[in-house]
Amino acid sequence: MADSPDDLVLTQLRDICADISDVRGTLGAISRHRTNLEGGQVAIIQHLGHLAAADARQQLATDAVTERLVLIELRLDLRNT
């Protein structure tokens, strides 16, 4: 028995609807994945900020030690001015 043109069109529309549903599901998964990546990127950027602050504190401490060493050397006449 041959399918009528209306049945063929309905079958194709159902297939198209199923494909659209699959695409929506895939887009949802991609969107969730992108959100997770963005969250990870934010965490990395925050960590880099903390590292930069720690580096700045370390540099200040090193500068203070250097200044104290210079004063000690001057006091002991170990340094030419």
N, C-alpha and C. Protein backbone atom coordinates (compact mmCIF):
# COMPACT_ATOMS: atom_id res chain seq x y z
N MET A 1 0.84 -1.17 0.00
CA MET A 1 0.00 0.00 0.00
C MET A 1 0.89 1.25 0.00
N ALA A 2 0.62 2.15 -0.90
CA ALA A 2 1.43 3.35 -1.05
C ALA A 2 1.00 4.39 -0.03
N ASP A 3 2.01 5.08 0.52
CA ASP A 3 1.72 6.15 1.47
C ASP A 3 1.20 7.36 0.72
N SER A 4 0.25 8.03 1.34
CA SER A 4 -0.28 9.24 0.71
C SER A 4 0.73 10.37 0.91
N PRO A 5 0.66 11.39 0.09
CA PRO A 5 1.59 12.52 0.23
C PRO A 5 1.50 13.17 1.61
N ASP A 6 0.28 13.21 2.17
CA ASP A 6 0.13 13.79 3.51
C ASP A 6 0.90 12.99 4.54
N ASP A 7 0.87 11.66 4.45
CA ASP A 7 1.59 10.80 5.39
C ASP A 7 3.10 11.00 5.25
N LEU A 8 3.57 11.14 4.03
CA LEU A 8 5.00 11.36 3.80
C LEU A 8 5.45 12.69 4.41
N VAL A 9 4.65 13.73 4.23
CA VAL A 9 4.98 15.05 4.78
C VAL A 9 4.99 14.98 6.31
N LEU A 10 4.00 14.31 6.89
CA LEU A 10 3.96 14.19 8.36
C LEU A 10 5.17 13.41 8.88
N THR A 11 5.56 12.38 8.17
CA THR A 11 6.73 11.59 8.56
C THR A 11 7.99 12.45 8.52
N GLN A 12 8.11 13.23 7.46
CA GLN A 12 9.28 14.10 7.34
C GLN A 12 9.28 15.17 8.43
N LEU A 13 8.10 15.72 8.73
CA LEU A 13 8.01 16.74 9.79
C LEU A 13 8.38 16.15 11.15
N ARG A 14 7.95 14.91 11.41
CA ARG A 14 8.32 14.25 12.66
C ARG A 14 9.83 14.05 12.74
N ASP A 15 10.43 13.65 11.63
CA ASP A 15 11.89 13.46 11.60
C ASP A 15 12.61 14.79 11.83
N ILE A 16 12.09 15.85 11.23
CA ILE A 16 12.69 17.18 11.41
C ILE A 16 12.56 17.60 12.87
N CYS A 17 11.40 17.37 13.46
CA CYS A 17 11.20 17.72 14.88
C CYS A 17 12.16 16.94 15.78
N ALA A 18 12.38 15.68 15.48
CA ALA A 18 13.31 14.86 16.25
C ALA A 18 14.73 15.40 16.11
N ASP A 19 15.11 15.78 14.90
CA ASP A 19 16.44 16.35 14.67
C ASP A 19 16.61 17.66 15.43
N ILE A 20 15.58 18.50 15.41
CA ILE A 20 15.63 19.78 16.13
C ILE A 20 15.78 19.52 17.63
N SER A 21 15.08 18.54 18.13
CA SER A 21 15.19 18.19 19.55
C SER A 21 16.61 17.74 19.89
N ASP A 22 17.21 16.95 19.01
CA ASP A 22 18.60 16.52 19.22
C ASP A 22 19.55 17.71 19.23
N VAL A 23 19.34 18.65 18.32
CA VAL A 23 20.19 19.84 18.24
C VAL A 23 20.04 20.66 19.52
N ARG A 24 18.82 20.81 20.00
CA ARG A 24 18.60 21.56 21.25
C ARG A 24 19.33 20.89 22.41
N GLY A 25 19.27 19.58 22.48
CA GLY A 25 19.97 18.86 23.54
C GLY A 25 21.47 19.06 23.45
N THR A 26 21.99 19.01 22.24
CA THR A 26 23.43 19.21 22.04
C THR A 26 23.83 20.63 22.41
N LEU A 27 23.02 21.61 22.02
CA LEU A 27 23.32 23.00 22.36
C LEU A 27 23.29 23.21 23.87
N GLY A 28 22.38 22.56 24.55
CA GLY A 28 22.32 22.66 26.00
C GLY A 28 23.59 22.10 26.64
N ALA A 29 24.04 20.96 26.13
CA ALA A 29 25.27 20.35 26.66
C ALA A 29 26.47 21.25 26.39
N ILE A 30 26.53 21.83 25.20
CA ILE A 30 27.64 22.73 24.86
C ILE A 30 27.61 23.96 25.76
N SER A 31 26.42 24.48 26.00
CA SER A 31 26.28 25.66 26.86
C SER A 31 26.74 25.36 28.28
N ARG A 32 26.36 24.20 28.81
CA ARG A 32 26.80 23.82 30.16
C ARG A 32 28.31 23.65 30.20
N HIS A 33 28.87 23.05 29.17
CA HIS A 33 30.32 22.85 29.12
C HIS A 33 31.05 24.19 29.07
N ARG A 34 30.52 25.12 28.27
CA ARG A 34 31.12 26.45 28.18
C ARG A 34 31.06 27.17 29.52
N THR A 35 29.95 27.02 30.22
CA THR A 35 29.81 27.64 31.54
C THR A 35 30.85 27.08 32.50
N ASN A 36 31.06 25.77 32.46
CA ASN A 36 32.08 25.16 33.32
C ASN A 36 33.47 25.68 32.97
N LEU A 37 33.76 25.83 31.69
CA LEU A 37 35.05 26.35 31.26
C LEU A 37 35.25 27.79 31.73
N GLU A 38 34.19 28.59 31.63
CA GLU A 38 34.29 29.98 32.07
C GLU A 38 34.53 30.05 33.57
N GLY A 39 33.87 29.17 34.33
CA GLY A 39 34.11 29.12 35.77
C GLY A 39 35.54 28.75 36.09
N GLY A 40 36.08 27.81 35.35
CA GLY A 40 37.48 27.43 35.54
C GLY A 40 38.42 28.56 35.19
N GLN A 41 38.09 29.29 34.15
CA GLN A 41 38.91 30.42 33.74
C GLN A 41 38.91 31.50 34.83
N VAL A 42 37.77 31.75 35.44
CA VAL A 42 37.68 32.73 36.52
C VAL A 42 38.56 32.29 37.68
N ALA A 43 38.52 31.01 38.02
CA ALA A 43 39.35 30.50 39.12
C ALA A 43 40.83 30.68 38.81
N ILE A 44 41.23 30.43 37.57
CA ILE A 44 42.63 30.59 37.18
C ILE A 44 43.05 32.06 37.28
N ILE A 45 42.19 32.94 36.82
CA ILE A 45 42.50 34.37 36.87
C ILE A 45 42.64 34.84 38.32
N GLN A 46 41.75 34.35 39.20
CA GLN A 46 41.85 34.70 40.62
C GLN A 46 43.16 34.18 41.21
N HIS A 47 43.51 32.95 40.84
CA HIS A 47 44.76 32.37 41.35
C HIS A 47 45.96 33.19 40.87
N LEU A 48 45.94 33.62 39.62
CA LEU A 48 47.03 34.45 39.11
C LEU A 48 47.11 35.77 39.88
N GLY A 49 45.96 36.32 40.22
CA GLY A 49 45.94 37.55 41.02
C GLY A 49 46.57 37.34 42.38
N HIS A 50 46.25 36.21 43.02
CA HIS A 50 46.84 35.89 44.33
C HIS A 50 48.35 35.70 44.20
N LEU A 51 48.78 35.04 43.13
CA LEU A 51 50.22 34.84 42.91
C LEU A 51 50.93 36.17 42.71
N ALA A 52 50.31 37.07 41.96
CA ALA A 52 50.91 38.38 41.73
C ALA A 52 51.03 39.16 43.04
N ALA A 53 50.01 39.08 43.88
CA ALA A 53 50.06 39.76 45.18
C ALA A 53 51.15 39.15 46.06
N ALA A 54 51.25 37.83 46.06
CA ALA A 54 52.29 37.17 46.86
C ALA A 54 53.67 37.57 46.34
N ASP A 55 53.82 37.66 45.03
CA ASP A 55 55.10 38.07 44.45
C ASP A 55 55.45 39.49 44.87
N ALA A 56 54.46 40.37 44.88
CA ALA A 56 54.70 41.76 45.29
C ALA A 56 55.12 41.82 46.75
N ARG A 57 54.45 41.03 47.61
CA ARG A 57 54.83 41.00 49.03
C ARG A 57 56.25 40.48 49.19
N GLN A 58 56.60 39.46 48.44
CA GLN A 58 57.94 38.88 48.51
C GLN A 58 58.98 39.89 48.05
N GLN A 59 58.67 40.65 47.02
CA GLN A 59 59.60 41.66 46.52
C GLN A 59 59.81 42.75 47.56
N LEU A 60 58.73 43.16 48.24
CA LEU A 60 58.86 44.17 49.29
C LEU A 60 59.73 43.65 50.42
N ALA A 61 59.55 42.41 50.80
CA ALA A 61 60.36 41.82 51.86
C ALA A 61 61.83 41.75 51.44
N THR A 62 62.08 41.37 50.21
CA THR A 62 63.45 41.31 49.69
C THR A 62 64.08 42.69 49.68
N ASP A 63 63.32 43.70 49.27
CA ASP A 63 63.83 45.07 49.26
C ASP A 63 64.19 45.52 50.67
N ALA A 64 63.35 45.18 51.65
CA ALA A 64 63.62 45.56 53.04
C ALA A 64 64.89 44.88 53.54
N VAL A 65 65.09 43.63 53.24
CA VAL A 65 66.30 42.92 53.65
C VAL A 65 67.52 43.54 52.98
N THR A 66 67.39 43.89 51.71
CA THR A 66 68.51 44.52 50.98
C THR A 66 68.88 45.85 51.63
N GLU A 67 67.87 46.64 51.98
CA GLU A 67 68.14 47.92 52.63
C GLU A 67 68.86 47.71 53.96
N ARG A 68 68.42 46.74 54.74
CA ARG A 68 69.06 46.46 56.03
C ARG A 68 70.49 45.98 55.82
N LEU A 69 70.72 45.17 54.80
CA LEU A 69 72.07 44.68 54.51
C LEU A 69 72.99 45.83 54.12
N VAL A 70 72.49 46.76 53.33
CA VAL A 70 73.29 47.92 52.95
C VAL A 70 73.66 48.72 54.19
N LEU A 71 72.71 48.94 55.08
CA LEU A 71 73.00 49.69 56.32
C LEU A 71 74.05 48.98 57.15
N ILE A 72 73.95 47.67 57.26
CA ILE A 72 74.93 46.90 58.03
C ILE A 72 76.31 47.02 57.39
N GLU A 73 76.36 46.89 56.07
CA GLU A 73 77.65 47.00 55.37
C GLU A 73 78.26 48.38 55.56
N LEU A 74 77.43 49.43 55.49
CA LEU A 74 77.93 50.80 55.70
C LEU A 74 78.43 50.95 57.13
N ARG A 75 77.71 50.45 58.08
CA ARG A 75 78.09 50.55 59.48
C ARG A 75 79.42 49.84 59.76
N LEU A 76 79.67 48.75 59.08
CA LEU A 76 80.89 47.97 59.28
C LEU A 76 81.99 48.36 58.30
N ASP A 77 81.75 49.38 57.52
CA ASP A 77 82.69 49.83 56.49
C ASP A 77 83.06 48.72 55.53
N LEU A 78 82.07 47.93 55.15
CA LEU A 78 82.28 46.87 54.18
C LEU A 78 81.86 47.30 52.77
N ARG A 79 81.33 48.49 52.68
CA ARG A 79 80.80 48.96 51.41
C ARG A 79 81.39 50.31 51.08
N ASN A 80 81.78 50.46 49.84
CA ASN A 80 82.28 51.76 49.39
C ASN A 80 81.10 52.63 48.98
N THR A 81 81.03 53.84 49.49
CA THR A 81 79.90 54.72 49.17
C THR A 81 80.14 55.55 47.96
